[in-house]
């Protein structure tokens, strides 16, 4: 199977690299050609355009920063995709956008499978990220080998649109947990506890979370570098709040967390790392949350 991969940011480059390691033939493209260099060194073929990727590959995977970019790329590649090719979209899109873009692809004779992922870029580099597939069962089966190369937990969530809902739910929970762990660590600090010990105690307690173990450690290091920015967090929280209105579910914690991220964007900018919502609390209380022995990035 020959895959084309368009969009080589933090997540895309990691997933494309896993396909290469698993022995797939991969052709790559990104507007920033420098991002492709490590993949080309590892054996990928570099295309000079998105259209070139579509013309050469059996199937095309995209991992892009916004729905608008996804649609633009789709319209560029559709006329050049091979007969029987499918489009695997790994970007985080809203459900309505997934269904609309699937219809655009169908008009061009191409079937879509949505494949958002969750767990963090560090797990993507290890081939251990969680994959949330949505679409027809035969497409899920067709691309299962590629999904096994990129992730170790693979879920077929149902028809198109299903994965966009669960991805938004998991991200919403992560942002809420991040706000909670920031407040918990500040309580420990102001209560005079050793922050390193407090982090370990929480990790071994009923109050633990995946976010505490990962992003909490980056807060204590002071890097906050999770390779996921505030603008992306606000985009995902916007999707969650939209689903809340549509499905009639009050989302009190998500709404409060969204306001925290709006404040963080005002303070640090949209490109700042999403765990910097903890810095809002640090700045407000003039108290840094630091402890020795915690990593600057997750491996």
Protein backbone atom coordinates (compact mmCIF):
# COMPACT_ATOMS: atom_id res chain seq x y z
CA UNK A 1 0.00 0.00 0.00
CA UNK A 2 1.36 3.39 -1.02
CA UNK A 3 0.16 6.25 1.17
CA UNK A 4 0.42 9.94 0.51
CA UNK A 5 0.73 12.09 3.63
CA UNK A 6 -0.05 15.81 3.52
CA UNK A 7 0.57 17.96 6.60
CA UNK A 8 3.79 17.32 8.48
CA UNK A 9 3.36 19.27 11.69
CA UNK A 10 4.09 17.70 15.07
CA UNK A 11 1.44 15.00 14.76
CA UNK A 12 1.57 14.43 11.01
CA UNK A 13 5.33 13.96 10.91
CA UNK A 14 5.16 11.46 13.78
CA UNK A 15 2.42 9.38 12.14
CA UNK A 16 4.04 9.46 8.69
CA UNK A 17 7.28 8.31 10.32
CA UNK A 18 5.50 5.34 11.88
CA UNK A 19 4.14 4.30 8.47
CA UNK A 20 7.68 4.35 7.11
CA UNK A 21 9.01 2.29 10.01
CA UNK A 22 6.31 -0.30 9.35
CA UNK A 23 7.43 -0.68 5.74
CA UNK A 24 4.77 1.32 3.93
CA UNK A 25 5.73 3.33 0.88
CA UNK A 26 5.03 6.96 1.75
CA UNK A 27 5.03 10.13 -0.34
CA UNK A 28 4.93 13.33 1.72
CA UNK A 29 4.21 17.01 1.23
CA UNK A 30 3.99 20.12 3.38
CA UNK A 31 4.02 23.82 2.49
CA UNK A 32 7.10 24.00 4.71
CA UNK A 33 9.46 21.68 2.84
CA UNK A 34 11.91 21.64 5.77
CA UNK A 35 9.40 19.60 7.77
CA UNK A 36 9.69 16.79 5.25
CA UNK A 37 13.48 16.49 5.44
CA UNK A 38 13.67 13.95 8.32
CA UNK A 39 11.05 11.78 6.64
CA UNK A 40 12.83 11.89 3.31
CA UNK A 41 16.02 10.89 5.10
CA UNK A 42 14.09 7.93 6.54
CA UNK A 43 12.95 6.80 3.09
CA UNK A 44 9.88 8.85 2.18
CA UNK A 45 9.44 10.33 -1.30
CA UNK A 46 9.03 14.10 -1.39
CA UNK A 47 6.32 15.51 -3.67
CA UNK A 48 6.47 19.08 -4.89
CA UNK A 49 2.74 19.65 -4.43
CA UNK A 50 -0.37 18.19 -2.81
CA UNK A 51 -1.55 17.30 -6.31
CA UNK A 52 1.65 15.34 -6.84
CA UNK A 53 0.96 13.32 -3.70
CA UNK A 54 -2.56 12.51 -4.88
CA UNK A 55 -1.43 11.44 -8.33
CA UNK A 56 1.21 9.02 -7.05
CA UNK A 57 -0.34 7.39 -3.97
CA UNK A 58 -2.96 4.68 -3.59
CA UNK A 59 -4.61 6.59 -0.74
CA UNK A 60 -4.10 10.04 0.79
CA UNK A 61 -3.88 10.91 4.49
CA UNK A 62 -4.15 14.53 5.63
CA UNK A 63 -3.33 16.06 9.01
CA UNK A 64 -4.00 19.78 8.80
CA UNK A 65 -4.49 22.74 11.15
CA UNK A 66 -8.05 23.82 10.34
CA UNK A 67 -11.23 22.79 8.52
CA UNK A 68 -10.64 25.55 5.96
CA UNK A 69 -7.21 24.16 5.11
CA UNK A 70 -8.63 20.62 4.93
CA UNK A 71 -11.24 21.72 2.41
CA UNK A 72 -8.71 23.65 0.34
CA UNK A 73 -6.35 20.68 0.17
CA UNK A 74 -9.19 18.27 -0.60
CA UNK A 75 -10.35 20.34 -3.56
CA UNK A 76 -6.78 20.46 -4.87
CA UNK A 77 -6.15 16.73 -4.64
CA UNK A 78 -9.55 15.33 -5.69
CA UNK A 79 -9.06 15.66 -9.47
CA UNK A 80 -5.70 13.90 -9.23
CA UNK A 81 -6.52 10.92 -6.98
CA UNK A 82 -6.42 7.44 -8.45
CA UNK A 83 -9.57 5.46 -9.14
CA UNK A 84 -10.55 3.62 -5.96
CA UNK A 85 -8.43 5.89 -3.76
CA UNK A 86 -9.74 6.91 -0.37
CA UNK A 87 -9.10 9.97 1.77
CA UNK A 88 -8.13 9.45 5.42
CA UNK A 89 -8.58 12.71 7.34
CA UNK A 90 -6.69 12.88 10.65
CA UNK A 91 -7.40 16.56 11.35
CA UNK A 92 -9.80 17.49 14.14
CA UNK A 93 -13.02 18.60 12.43
CA UNK A 94 -16.53 19.25 13.57
CA UNK A 95 -19.11 16.58 12.74
CA UNK A 96 -20.93 18.80 10.23
CA UNK A 97 -17.64 19.58 8.51
CA UNK A 98 -16.81 15.88 8.27
CA UNK A 99 -20.14 15.12 6.62
CA UNK A 100 -19.91 18.10 4.26
CA UNK A 101 -16.36 17.30 3.16
CA UNK A 102 -17.24 13.63 2.75
CA UNK A 103 -19.95 14.73 0.32
CA UNK A 104 -17.44 16.87 -1.58
CA UNK A 105 -15.08 13.89 -1.79
CA UNK A 106 -17.91 11.61 -2.95
CA UNK A 107 -18.70 13.97 -5.80
CA UNK A 108 -15.13 13.39 -6.96
CA UNK A 109 -15.48 9.62 -6.64
CA UNK A 110 -13.45 9.38 -3.41
CA UNK A 111 -14.58 7.88 -0.09
CA UNK A 112 -13.56 9.41 3.22
CA UNK A 113 -12.60 7.89 6.54
CA UNK A 114 -12.16 10.22 9.50
CA UNK A 115 -9.29 9.31 11.82
CA UNK A 116 -8.71 11.80 14.62
CA UNK A 117 -6.26 10.66 17.28
CA UNK A 118 -5.76 11.31 20.97
CA UNK A 119 -3.03 10.78 23.56
CA UNK A 120 -0.36 13.32 22.66
CA UNK A 121 2.41 13.77 20.12
CA UNK A 122 4.90 11.85 22.28
CA UNK A 123 2.77 8.71 21.91
CA UNK A 124 2.41 9.34 18.18
CA UNK A 125 6.20 9.17 17.82
CA UNK A 126 6.12 5.80 19.59
CA UNK A 127 3.31 4.45 17.41
CA UNK A 128 1.13 4.21 20.51
CA UNK A 129 -1.43 6.94 19.98
CA UNK A 130 -5.15 6.13 20.19
CA UNK A 131 -6.94 6.12 16.83
CA UNK A 132 -10.65 6.96 16.53
CA UNK A 133 -11.89 5.86 13.11
CA UNK A 134 -15.24 6.78 11.59
CA UNK A 135 -16.64 5.57 8.28
CA UNK A 136 -17.62 2.45 6.41
CA UNK A 137 -16.47 -0.87 7.86
CA UNK A 138 -14.70 -1.93 4.67
CA UNK A 139 -12.58 1.24 4.72
CA UNK A 140 -11.73 0.56 8.36
CA UNK A 141 -10.59 -2.92 7.36
CA UNK A 142 -8.66 -1.63 4.35
CA UNK A 143 -6.63 0.84 6.41
CA UNK A 144 -6.33 -1.26 9.57
CA UNK A 145 -2.71 -2.14 8.84
CA UNK A 146 -1.77 1.51 8.56
CA UNK A 147 -3.64 2.28 11.77
CA UNK A 148 -1.76 -0.50 13.55
CA UNK A 149 1.49 1.09 12.39
CA UNK A 150 0.50 4.49 13.78
CA UNK A 151 -1.33 3.52 16.98
CA UNK A 152 -1.84 0.70 19.46
CA UNK A 153 -5.45 1.36 20.49
CA UNK A 154 -7.82 1.49 17.53
CA UNK A 155 -11.56 2.10 17.79
CA UNK A 156 -14.13 2.05 14.99
CA UNK A 157 -16.59 4.56 16.43
CA UNK A 158 -19.27 4.11 13.76
CA UNK A 159 -20.34 6.00 10.63
CA UNK A 160 -18.77 9.26 9.50
CA UNK A 161 -19.20 11.99 12.10
CA UNK A 162 -18.99 9.62 15.07
CA UNK A 163 -15.26 10.10 15.58
CA UNK A 164 -15.48 13.88 15.54
CA UNK A 165 -17.84 13.71 18.51
CA UNK A 166 -15.73 11.39 20.65
CA UNK A 167 -12.52 13.28 19.78
CA UNK A 168 -14.06 16.53 20.97
CA UNK A 169 -15.25 14.81 24.15
CA UNK A 170 -11.79 13.45 24.94
CA UNK A 171 -10.15 16.81 24.31
CA UNK A 172 -12.76 18.60 26.41
CA UNK A 173 -11.98 16.27 29.29
CA UNK A 174 -8.24 16.81 28.85
CA UNK A 175 -8.59 20.61 29.06
CA UNK A 176 -10.81 20.35 32.14
CA UNK A 177 -8.31 17.97 33.76
CA UNK A 178 -5.48 20.38 32.96
CA UNK A 179 -7.28 23.23 34.71
CA UNK A 180 -7.96 20.91 37.67
CA UNK A 181 -4.37 19.69 37.98
CA UNK A 182 -3.10 23.28 37.78
CA UNK A 183 -5.30 24.24 40.72
CA UNK A 184 -4.34 21.09 42.63
CA UNK A 185 -0.61 21.74 42.22
CA UNK A 186 -1.06 25.34 43.34
CA UNK A 187 -2.92 24.18 46.45
CA UNK A 188 -0.02 21.85 47.21
CA UNK A 189 2.55 24.61 46.68
CA UNK A 190 0.74 27.18 48.78
CA UNK A 191 0.13 24.53 51.41
CA UNK A 192 3.87 24.14 51.84
CA UNK A 193 4.20 20.67 50.30
CA UNK A 194 7.13 19.43 48.26
CA UNK A 195 5.72 19.73 44.74
CA UNK A 196 7.56 16.73 43.36
CA UNK A 197 6.25 14.53 46.14
CA UNK A 198 2.78 16.00 45.75
CA UNK A 199 2.81 15.19 42.01
CA UNK A 200 3.81 11.58 42.74
CA UNK A 201 1.21 11.25 45.49
CA UNK A 202 -1.55 12.51 43.19
CA UNK A 203 -0.37 10.16 40.44
CA UNK A 204 -0.80 7.25 42.85
CA UNK A 205 -4.20 8.40 44.09
CA UNK A 206 -7.84 8.31 43.07
CA UNK A 207 -7.38 11.89 41.86
CA UNK A 208 -4.92 10.92 39.15
CA UNK A 209 -5.44 11.53 35.43
CA UNK A 210 -3.50 11.02 32.22
CA UNK A 211 -3.19 14.81 31.98
CA UNK A 212 -1.74 15.07 35.48
CA UNK A 213 0.91 12.48 34.64
CA UNK A 214 1.88 14.14 31.33
CA UNK A 215 1.08 17.84 31.18
CA UNK A 216 1.34 18.21 34.94
CA UNK A 217 4.98 17.13 34.67
CA UNK A 218 5.65 19.78 32.01
CA UNK A 219 4.14 22.45 34.23
CA UNK A 220 6.53 21.49 37.02
CA UNK A 221 9.43 21.68 34.57
CA UNK A 222 8.30 25.12 33.39
CA UNK A 223 8.46 24.30 29.69
CA UNK A 224 4.70 23.72 29.29
CA UNK A 225 5.71 22.23 25.92
CA UNK A 226 3.06 19.70 24.95
CA UNK A 227 3.25 20.61 21.22
CA UNK A 228 -0.38 21.78 21.32
CA UNK A 229 -1.28 25.45 21.45
CA UNK A 230 -4.00 27.59 22.98
CA UNK A 231 -5.69 28.35 19.65
CA UNK A 232 -6.15 24.63 19.01
CA UNK A 233 -7.57 24.16 22.50
CA UNK A 234 -10.07 26.96 21.92
CA UNK A 235 -11.07 25.43 18.58
CA UNK A 236 -11.80 22.07 20.23
CA UNK A 237 -13.62 23.62 23.17
CA UNK A 238 -15.72 25.56 20.67
CA UNK A 239 -16.74 22.28 19.05
CA UNK A 240 -17.62 20.83 22.49
CA UNK A 241 -19.76 23.79 23.47
CA UNK A 242 -21.50 23.61 20.09
CA UNK A 243 -22.36 19.96 20.70
CA UNK A 244 -23.61 20.91 24.15
CA UNK A 245 -26.10 23.34 22.60
CA UNK A 246 -27.11 20.88 19.88
CA UNK A 247 -27.63 17.91 22.19
CA UNK A 248 -29.11 19.91 25.08
CA UNK A 249 -26.32 19.12 27.54
CA UNK A 250 -25.20 21.87 29.97
CA UNK A 251 -21.40 21.94 30.00
CA UNK A 252 -20.55 24.02 33.05
CA UNK A 253 -16.95 22.85 33.45
CA UNK A 254 -16.22 23.12 29.72
CA UNK A 255 -17.61 26.66 29.69
CA UNK A 256 -15.44 27.70 32.63
CA UNK A 257 -12.39 26.08 31.07
CA UNK A 258 -13.08 27.86 27.78
CA UNK A 259 -13.01 31.20 29.62
CA UNK A 260 -9.68 30.25 31.18
CA UNK A 261 -8.23 29.57 27.73
CA UNK A 262 -9.58 32.88 26.42
CA UNK A 263 -7.75 34.61 29.29
CA UNK A 264 -4.58 32.64 28.55
CA UNK A 265 -4.73 33.67 24.89
CA UNK A 266 -5.09 37.31 25.91
CA UNK A 267 -2.08 36.97 28.23
CA UNK A 268 0.29 34.83 26.17
CA UNK A 269 -1.07 34.63 22.61
CA UNK A 270 -2.77 31.86 20.69
CA UNK A 271 0.50 30.15 19.78
CA UNK A 272 1.44 29.67 23.43
CA UNK A 273 1.37 26.10 24.75
CA UNK A 274 -1.98 24.98 26.12
CA UNK A 275 -0.66 24.03 29.61
CA UNK A 276 0.13 27.70 30.09
CA UNK A 277 -3.31 28.10 31.62
CA UNK A 278 -1.39 27.06 34.74
CA UNK A 279 0.79 30.12 34.31
CA UNK A 280 -2.28 32.33 34.64
CA UNK A 281 -2.59 31.05 38.21
CA UNK A 282 1.15 31.32 38.80
CA UNK A 283 1.16 34.95 37.63
CA UNK A 284 -1.95 35.83 39.62
CA UNK A 285 -0.49 34.46 42.85
CA UNK A 286 3.17 35.29 42.10
CA UNK A 287 3.96 31.65 42.82
CA UNK A 288 5.86 29.41 40.38
CA UNK A 289 5.03 25.72 40.18
CA UNK A 290 8.48 24.15 39.80
CA UNK A 291 10.09 20.93 40.96
CA UNK A 292 13.31 19.14 40.13
CA UNK A 293 13.46 16.06 37.96
CA UNK A 294 10.59 16.71 35.57
CA UNK A 295 11.03 16.67 31.76
CA UNK A 296 10.89 19.61 29.36
CA UNK A 297 9.14 17.42 26.77
CA UNK A 298 7.48 14.05 26.84
CA UNK A 299 9.32 11.18 25.19
